[in-house]
Amino acid sequence: MMNDLLSAPLTLNWTLSFRCNFSCSHCWSRDEAAPELDLKQLRAIVDVLAAHRIPFINFGGGEPLIREELLELCSYAVSRGLRVSMNSNGWHLDRTMARRIRQAGFSSVGISIDSPDSGVHDRFRSMPGSFERASNALGHLRDAGIKRTMSSVICTINHQELHGLIALARTYEVSALYLHNFKCSGEGMKNRAELDLSAEQWRSFYQHAIAIRQDLKGLNLTFDDPVIASLPGYAEQGMVKGSSCGKLSLHLRPNGDLTPCGFIPLVIGNILEEDFSRLWHDSPILNQMRNKVPTGQCASCASYEDCLGGCSARAFAESGDFNSPDPHCWK
């Protein structure tokens, strides 16, 4: 385990734009707005990241391919020694774009597909034809020789469709299937009653997924939910316990404002206007997240030292307090 704070985050999750051609039912950013930086300013941010030896950039959004500067920015970041990836809905990723993405130097590209059923996926993403375009995008990436991953937001539409999602991932020979836990931010909070699982359903899903993963060959099944650490017998250890945001990663908004993660709308400072090292080491918000104090049911829970209260973003979204228990916790 990592006991000391890193000198800088390992990953910067970068939202170049809040704009998107989809209207997804779980979207955290649809109601967000911020000015977008020009290419000169974007390059200046890359220079800051390179100077602080931050090794990874992951572009998300919004839809990153909406920004025409994306590919040129990626090439510049790669020239400065960074590894660059992105997550896309796949709509704009045709055969020509796949070749351009490879030429720009992306190390991997993730495509979001939330159900093996095209109709279910299209309704969830509020975009007819989106399943076909996303599936085709994975095929174009494969043909272009680009490492690819698939992402699925686990919720009521798909928590019993894991075998189908795995089969789809195998069809396009992705290296990893990311099973993202449902967040309660933005549209996710508005539609929570319809889409979020109960705590007991989350426990059942993770128990089932872990059992499948034990015998899975050739595909990495990946979870990003700290609450899973409270399952009896779960022995996997990451670099940090609890949420990784603010410890291993930060999020960058389109105007250069830094937040702990995309799902926590608290600005710690602006990367172009303030000293990055000072923000990373001295931010009261980040230090509060790094030194959580158990409250409520967490105060007497024997699993707290393993999960550190679960997802800080969900706790904050529900209560306004990082120290509150994760509402997904089944204990």
Protein backbone atom coordinates (compact mmCIF):
# COMPACT_ATOMS: atom_id res chain seq x y z
CA MET A 1 0.00 0.00 0.00
CA MET A 2 1.05 3.60 -0.56
CA ASN A 3 1.55 5.23 2.83
CA ASP A 4 2.91 8.59 1.65
CA LEU A 5 1.43 11.14 -0.71
CA LEU A 6 2.87 11.04 -4.21
CA SER A 7 4.76 14.13 -5.38
CA ALA A 8 2.07 14.56 -8.07
CA PRO A 9 -0.95 12.59 -9.30
CA LEU A 10 -0.38 9.66 -11.64
CA THR A 11 -3.32 10.59 -13.85
CA LEU A 12 -5.03 13.78 -14.89
CA ASN A 13 -8.57 13.16 -16.10
CA TRP A 14 -9.11 16.04 -18.50
CA THR A 15 -12.49 17.34 -19.67
CA LEU A 16 -11.75 19.53 -22.68
CA SER A 17 -15.43 20.38 -23.16
CA PHE A 18 -18.73 19.76 -21.44
CA ARG A 19 -20.37 19.63 -24.86
CA CYS A 20 -21.72 16.27 -26.03
CA ASN A 21 -23.96 15.00 -28.79
CA PHE A 22 -25.62 12.54 -26.36
CA SER A 23 -28.04 13.07 -23.46
CA CYS A 24 -27.21 10.10 -21.25
CA SER A 25 -29.45 9.23 -18.33
CA HIS A 26 -26.55 9.16 -15.86
CA CYS A 27 -24.49 12.11 -17.16
CA TRP A 28 -22.68 14.08 -14.46
CA SER A 29 -21.79 17.05 -16.68
CA ARG A 30 -24.86 17.94 -18.76
CA ASP A 31 -25.72 20.97 -16.62
CA GLU A 32 -22.09 22.04 -16.26
CA ALA A 33 -20.71 25.03 -18.17
CA ALA A 34 -17.24 26.55 -18.44
CA PRO A 35 -15.23 28.51 -21.01
CA GLU A 36 -13.01 26.38 -23.23
CA LEU A 37 -9.30 27.10 -23.57
CA ASP A 38 -7.53 27.63 -26.88
CA LEU A 39 -4.72 25.42 -28.15
CA LYS A 40 -1.97 27.66 -26.79
CA GLN A 41 -3.46 27.46 -23.30
CA LEU A 42 -3.98 23.71 -23.63
CA ARG A 43 -0.33 23.26 -24.57
CA ALA A 44 0.65 25.34 -21.54
CA ILE A 45 -1.25 22.90 -19.34
CA VAL A 46 0.64 19.99 -20.90
CA ASP A 47 3.86 21.82 -20.05
CA VAL A 48 2.77 22.04 -16.42
CA LEU A 49 2.00 18.31 -16.35
CA ALA A 50 5.33 17.44 -17.96
CA ALA A 51 7.21 19.68 -15.54
CA HIS A 52 5.63 17.84 -12.61
CA ARG A 53 6.22 14.43 -14.22
CA ILE A 54 2.56 13.45 -14.32
CA PRO A 55 2.71 10.36 -16.55
CA PHE A 56 -0.88 9.89 -17.75
CA ILE A 57 -3.60 12.02 -19.32
CA ASN A 58 -7.06 10.63 -19.95
CA PHE A 59 -9.44 12.78 -21.98
CA GLY A 60 -13.13 12.45 -21.18
CA GLY A 61 -16.03 14.80 -21.13
CA GLY A 62 -18.42 15.69 -22.52
CA GLU A 63 -17.30 14.04 -25.75
CA PRO A 64 -13.57 14.65 -26.34
CA LEU A 65 -13.75 14.21 -30.12
CA ILE A 66 -15.95 17.31 -30.30
CA ARG A 67 -12.80 19.41 -29.76
CA GLU A 68 -10.96 19.76 -33.06
CA GLU A 69 -7.73 20.45 -31.15
CA LEU A 70 -7.76 17.04 -29.46
CA LEU A 71 -5.48 15.18 -31.86
CA GLU A 72 -2.91 17.96 -32.08
CA LEU A 73 -2.96 18.29 -28.30
CA CYS A 74 -2.39 14.56 -27.93
CA SER A 75 0.60 14.68 -30.28
CA TYR A 76 2.08 17.52 -28.27
CA ALA A 77 1.56 15.69 -24.97
CA VAL A 78 3.19 12.56 -26.38
CA SER A 79 6.15 14.66 -27.54
CA ARG A 80 6.51 15.85 -23.92
CA GLY A 81 6.69 12.27 -22.68
CA LEU A 82 3.11 11.70 -21.47
CA ARG A 83 0.92 8.68 -22.22
CA VAL A 84 -2.48 9.72 -23.50
CA SER A 85 -5.80 7.88 -23.55
CA MET A 86 -9.42 8.88 -23.94
CA ASN A 87 -12.96 7.69 -23.35
CA SER A 88 -15.48 8.32 -26.12
CA ASN A 89 -19.07 7.49 -26.95
CA GLY A 90 -17.75 6.38 -30.35
CA TRP A 91 -20.17 8.39 -32.50
CA HIS A 92 -17.47 10.39 -34.31
CA LEU A 93 -14.98 7.54 -34.51
CA ASP A 94 -15.06 6.19 -38.05
CA ARG A 95 -12.28 4.40 -39.95
CA THR A 96 -10.52 7.63 -40.92
CA MET A 97 -10.67 8.98 -37.37
CA ALA A 98 -9.23 5.73 -36.02
CA ARG A 99 -6.20 6.14 -38.28
CA ARG A 100 -5.79 9.76 -37.19
CA ILE A 101 -6.03 8.72 -33.54
CA ARG A 102 -3.22 6.24 -34.05
CA GLN A 103 -1.09 8.85 -35.82
CA ALA A 104 -1.67 11.27 -32.94
CA GLY A 105 -0.13 8.76 -30.54
CA PHE A 106 -2.99 7.71 -28.27
CA SER A 107 -1.91 4.74 -26.16
CA SER A 108 -5.49 3.45 -25.79
CA VAL A 109 -9.09 4.44 -26.43
CA GLY A 110 -12.11 3.41 -24.37
CA ILE A 111 -15.59 3.16 -25.85
CA SER A 112 -18.74 3.28 -23.71
CA ILE A 113 -21.26 0.49 -24.26
CA ASP A 114 -23.71 -0.09 -21.44
CA SER A 115 -25.70 -3.07 -22.65
CA PRO A 116 -25.31 -5.95 -25.10
CA ASP A 117 -28.86 -5.06 -26.21
CA SER A 118 -28.72 -2.25 -28.75
CA GLY A 119 -32.15 -0.90 -27.83
CA VAL A 120 -31.34 -0.75 -24.12
CA HIS A 121 -28.04 1.01 -24.78
CA ASP A 122 -29.61 3.52 -27.18
CA ARG A 123 -32.36 4.42 -24.71
CA PHE A 124 -29.89 4.81 -21.84
CA ARG A 125 -27.74 7.09 -24.00
CA SER A 126 -30.79 8.87 -25.48
CA MET A 127 -29.30 8.47 -28.94
CA PRO A 128 -30.78 6.11 -31.55
CA GLY A 129 -28.05 4.27 -33.40
CA SER A 130 -25.46 4.84 -30.70
CA PHE A 131 -24.91 1.12 -30.04
CA GLU A 132 -24.08 0.49 -33.70
CA ARG A 133 -21.75 3.48 -33.88
CA ALA A 134 -19.97 2.48 -30.64
CA SER A 135 -19.58 -1.13 -31.79
CA ASN A 136 -18.26 0.03 -35.15
CA ALA A 137 -15.82 2.34 -33.37
CA LEU A 138 -14.33 -0.64 -31.51
CA GLY A 139 -13.95 -2.42 -34.83
CA HIS A 140 -12.24 0.58 -36.44
CA LEU A 141 -9.86 0.87 -33.49
CA ARG A 142 -9.05 -2.83 -33.77
CA ASP A 143 -8.38 -2.54 -37.50
CA ALA A 144 -6.11 0.46 -36.87
CA GLY A 145 -4.11 -1.50 -34.30
CA ILE A 146 -5.05 0.69 -31.35
CA LYS A 147 -5.34 -0.74 -27.86
CA ARG A 148 -8.97 -0.46 -26.85
CA THR A 149 -11.11 -0.88 -23.78
CA MET A 150 -14.84 -0.96 -23.16
CA SER A 151 -16.65 0.84 -20.36
CA SER A 152 -20.06 0.08 -18.88
CA VAL A 153 -21.85 2.07 -16.20
CA ILE A 154 -23.42 -0.55 -13.97
CA CYS A 155 -27.01 0.22 -13.00
CA THR A 156 -30.49 -1.29 -13.20
CA ILE A 157 -30.36 -1.65 -17.00
CA ASN A 158 -27.41 -4.04 -17.06
CA HIS A 159 -26.45 -5.43 -13.66
CA GLN A 160 -27.79 -8.83 -14.74
CA GLU A 161 -26.17 -8.67 -18.19
CA LEU A 162 -22.53 -9.18 -17.25
CA HIS A 163 -22.08 -12.29 -19.40
CA GLY A 164 -23.45 -10.41 -22.42
CA LEU A 165 -21.13 -7.46 -21.81
CA ILE A 166 -18.16 -9.81 -21.54
CA ALA A 167 -19.14 -11.56 -24.77
CA LEU A 168 -19.35 -8.20 -26.55
CA ALA A 169 -15.96 -7.17 -25.18
CA ARG A 170 -14.45 -10.41 -26.47
CA THR A 171 -15.96 -9.83 -29.92
CA TYR A 172 -13.87 -6.70 -30.33
CA GLU A 173 -10.84 -8.10 -28.49
CA VAL A 174 -10.65 -5.30 -25.96
CA SER A 175 -7.96 -5.50 -23.31
CA ALA A 176 -10.23 -4.51 -20.42
CA LEU A 177 -13.88 -4.16 -19.54
CA TYR A 178 -14.33 -1.36 -17.00
CA LEU A 179 -17.38 -1.81 -14.78
CA HIS A 180 -18.02 1.70 -13.49
CA ASN A 181 -20.07 2.07 -10.35
CA PHE A 182 -23.09 4.33 -10.65
CA LYS A 183 -22.44 7.85 -9.37
CA CYS A 184 -25.07 10.13 -7.89
CA SER A 185 -24.04 13.34 -9.65
CA GLY A 186 -25.87 15.47 -12.20
CA GLU A 187 -28.39 13.43 -14.16
CA GLY A 188 -27.33 10.43 -12.10
CA MET A 189 -28.81 12.05 -9.01
CA LYS A 190 -31.98 13.09 -10.86
CA ASN A 191 -32.50 9.55 -12.17
CA ARG A 192 -31.13 7.71 -9.16
CA ALA A 193 -34.42 6.15 -8.09
CA GLU A 194 -34.80 4.57 -11.51
CA LEU A 195 -31.17 3.60 -12.23
CA ASP A 196 -29.22 3.01 -9.02
CA LEU A 197 -29.04 -0.40 -7.39
CA SER A 198 -29.81 -1.05 -3.75
CA ALA A 199 -26.89 -1.77 -1.43
CA GLU A 200 -27.81 -5.46 -1.42
CA GLN A 201 -27.93 -5.53 -5.22
CA TRP A 202 -24.45 -3.98 -5.35
CA ARG A 203 -23.14 -6.66 -3.03
CA SER A 204 -24.69 -9.42 -5.15
CA PHE A 205 -23.35 -7.90 -8.36
CA TYR A 206 -19.80 -7.66 -7.06
CA GLN A 207 -19.86 -11.17 -5.62
CA HIS A 208 -21.01 -12.47 -9.00
CA ALA A 209 -18.48 -10.39 -10.95
CA ILE A 210 -15.57 -11.43 -8.74
CA ALA A 211 -16.48 -15.08 -9.15
CA ILE A 212 -16.57 -14.66 -12.95
CA ARG A 213 -13.27 -12.79 -12.98
CA GLN A 214 -11.45 -15.61 -11.22
CA ASP A 215 -11.90 -17.86 -14.26
CA LEU A 216 -11.75 -15.17 -16.94
CA LYS A 217 -8.87 -15.49 -19.40
CA GLY A 218 -7.67 -12.88 -21.89
CA LEU A 219 -9.87 -10.05 -20.59
CA ASN A 220 -9.24 -7.81 -17.61
CA LEU A 221 -12.46 -7.18 -15.66
CA THR A 222 -11.88 -3.96 -13.75
CA PHE A 223 -13.77 -2.33 -10.89
CA ASP A 224 -13.32 1.24 -9.64
CA ASP A 225 -15.46 1.06 -6.52
CA PRO A 226 -13.70 1.26 -3.12
CA VAL A 227 -16.72 -0.15 -1.28
CA ILE A 228 -15.92 -3.55 -2.77
CA ALA A 229 -13.02 -3.85 -0.32
CA SER A 230 -15.49 -4.58 2.48
CA LEU A 231 -16.48 -7.91 0.93
CA PRO A 232 -15.26 -10.83 3.08
CA GLY A 233 -12.23 -12.44 1.51
CA TYR A 234 -11.58 -9.66 -1.00
CA ALA A 235 -7.80 -9.53 -0.89
CA GLU A 236 -6.91 -7.36 -3.88
CA GLN A 237 -4.99 -4.24 -2.91
CA GLY A 238 -4.42 -1.12 -4.94
CA MET A 239 -1.93 1.65 -4.38
CA VAL A 240 -4.30 3.37 -1.97
CA LYS A 241 -7.27 2.41 0.14
CA GLY A 242 -10.62 4.08 -0.36
CA SER A 243 -11.23 6.53 -3.18
CA SER A 244 -8.25 7.19 -5.44
CA CYS A 245 -9.37 10.71 -6.41
CA GLY A 246 -7.19 13.31 -4.78
CA LYS A 247 -4.58 10.64 -4.04
CA LEU A 248 -3.70 9.17 -7.43
CA SER A 249 -5.66 11.40 -9.78
CA LEU A 250 -7.23 14.81 -10.31
CA HIS A 251 -9.81 16.16 -12.72
CA LEU A 252 -9.37 19.19 -14.98
CA ARG A 253 -12.35 21.23 -16.15
CA PRO A 254 -12.48 22.94 -19.59
CA ASN A 255 -11.35 26.31 -18.15
CA GLY A 256 -8.33 24.91 -16.29
CA ASP A 257 -9.98 24.56 -12.89
CA LEU A 258 -8.89 21.49 -10.93
CA THR A 259 -11.31 19.34 -8.93
CA PRO A 260 -10.73 16.09 -7.00
CA CYS A 261 -12.72 14.19 -9.64
CA GLY A 262 -15.39 14.91 -12.21
CA PHE A 263 -18.13 13.87 -9.80
CA ILE A 264 -17.04 16.29 -7.05
CA PRO A 265 -17.76 19.89 -8.14
CA LEU A 266 -15.34 21.55 -5.72
CA VAL A 267 -12.60 23.65 -7.32
CA ILE A 268 -9.22 23.48 -5.61
CA GLY A 269 -7.58 26.04 -7.93
CA ASN A 270 -6.69 26.81 -11.54
CA ILE A 271 -3.77 25.01 -13.13
CA LEU A 272 -2.79 28.02 -15.26
CA GLU A 273 -3.08 30.59 -12.51
CA GLU A 274 -1.73 28.88 -9.39
CA ASP A 275 1.24 26.75 -8.42
CA PHE A 276 0.34 23.14 -9.12
CA SER A 277 2.56 21.64 -6.44
CA ARG A 278 1.05 23.87 -3.77
CA LEU A 279 -2.47 22.95 -4.84
CA TRP A 280 -1.62 19.24 -4.79
CA HIS A 281 0.03 19.26 -1.40
CA ASP A 282 -1.83 21.97 0.49
CA SER A 283 -5.42 22.02 -0.75
CA PRO A 284 -7.77 21.87 2.25
CA ILE A 285 -10.30 19.97 0.13
CA LEU A 286 -7.81 17.30 -0.94
CA ASN A 287 -6.38 16.97 2.56
CA GLN A 288 -9.86 16.48 3.96
CA MET A 289 -10.45 13.69 1.44
CA ARG A 290 -7.08 12.11 2.25
CA ASN A 291 -7.78 12.13 5.99
CA LYS A 292 -11.37 11.06 6.30
CA VAL A 293 -12.91 10.50 9.73
CA PRO A 294 -15.44 7.67 10.07
CA THR A 295 -18.95 8.79 10.94
CA GLY A 296 -22.33 7.09 11.21
CA GLN A 297 -22.22 3.36 10.53
CA CYS A 298 -18.56 3.66 9.47
CA ALA A 299 -17.51 4.58 13.01
CA SER A 300 -18.12 1.07 14.31
CA CYS A 301 -17.45 -0.92 11.12
CA ALA A 302 -14.63 -3.45 11.13
CA SER A 303 -14.16 -2.99 7.39
CA TYR A 304 -13.53 0.76 7.50
CA GLU A 305 -9.76 0.46 7.31
CA ASP A 306 -10.16 -1.44 4.04
CA CYS A 307 -12.66 0.79 2.20
CA LEU A 308 -12.26 4.10 4.11
CA GLY A 309 -15.94 4.79 3.81
CA GLY A 310 -16.25 3.87 0.13
CA CYS A 311 -16.73 6.40 -2.69
CA SER A 312 -16.17 9.97 -1.49
CA ALA A 313 -18.05 11.38 -4.49
CA ARG A 314 -21.23 9.46 -3.67
CA ALA A 315 -20.99 10.37 0.01
CA PHE A 316 -20.52 14.04 -0.84
CA ALA A 317 -23.35 14.03 -3.42
CA GLU A 318 -25.81 12.65 -0.90
CA SER A 319 -24.77 14.45 2.27
CA GLY A 320 -22.30 17.20 1.41
CA ASP A 321 -19.78 15.50 3.70
CA PHE A 322 -16.83 13.37 2.54
CA ASN A 323 -16.86 11.56 5.87
CA SER A 324 -20.37 10.21 5.49
CA PRO A 325 -20.79 6.52 4.66
CA ASP A 326 -21.07 5.56 0.99
CA PRO A 327 -24.82 5.08 0.32
CA HIS A 328 -23.95 1.93 -1.67
CA CYS A 329 -22.49 0.24 1.39
CA TRP A 330 -24.30 -2.97 2.33
CA LYS A 331 -22.82 -3.29 5.80
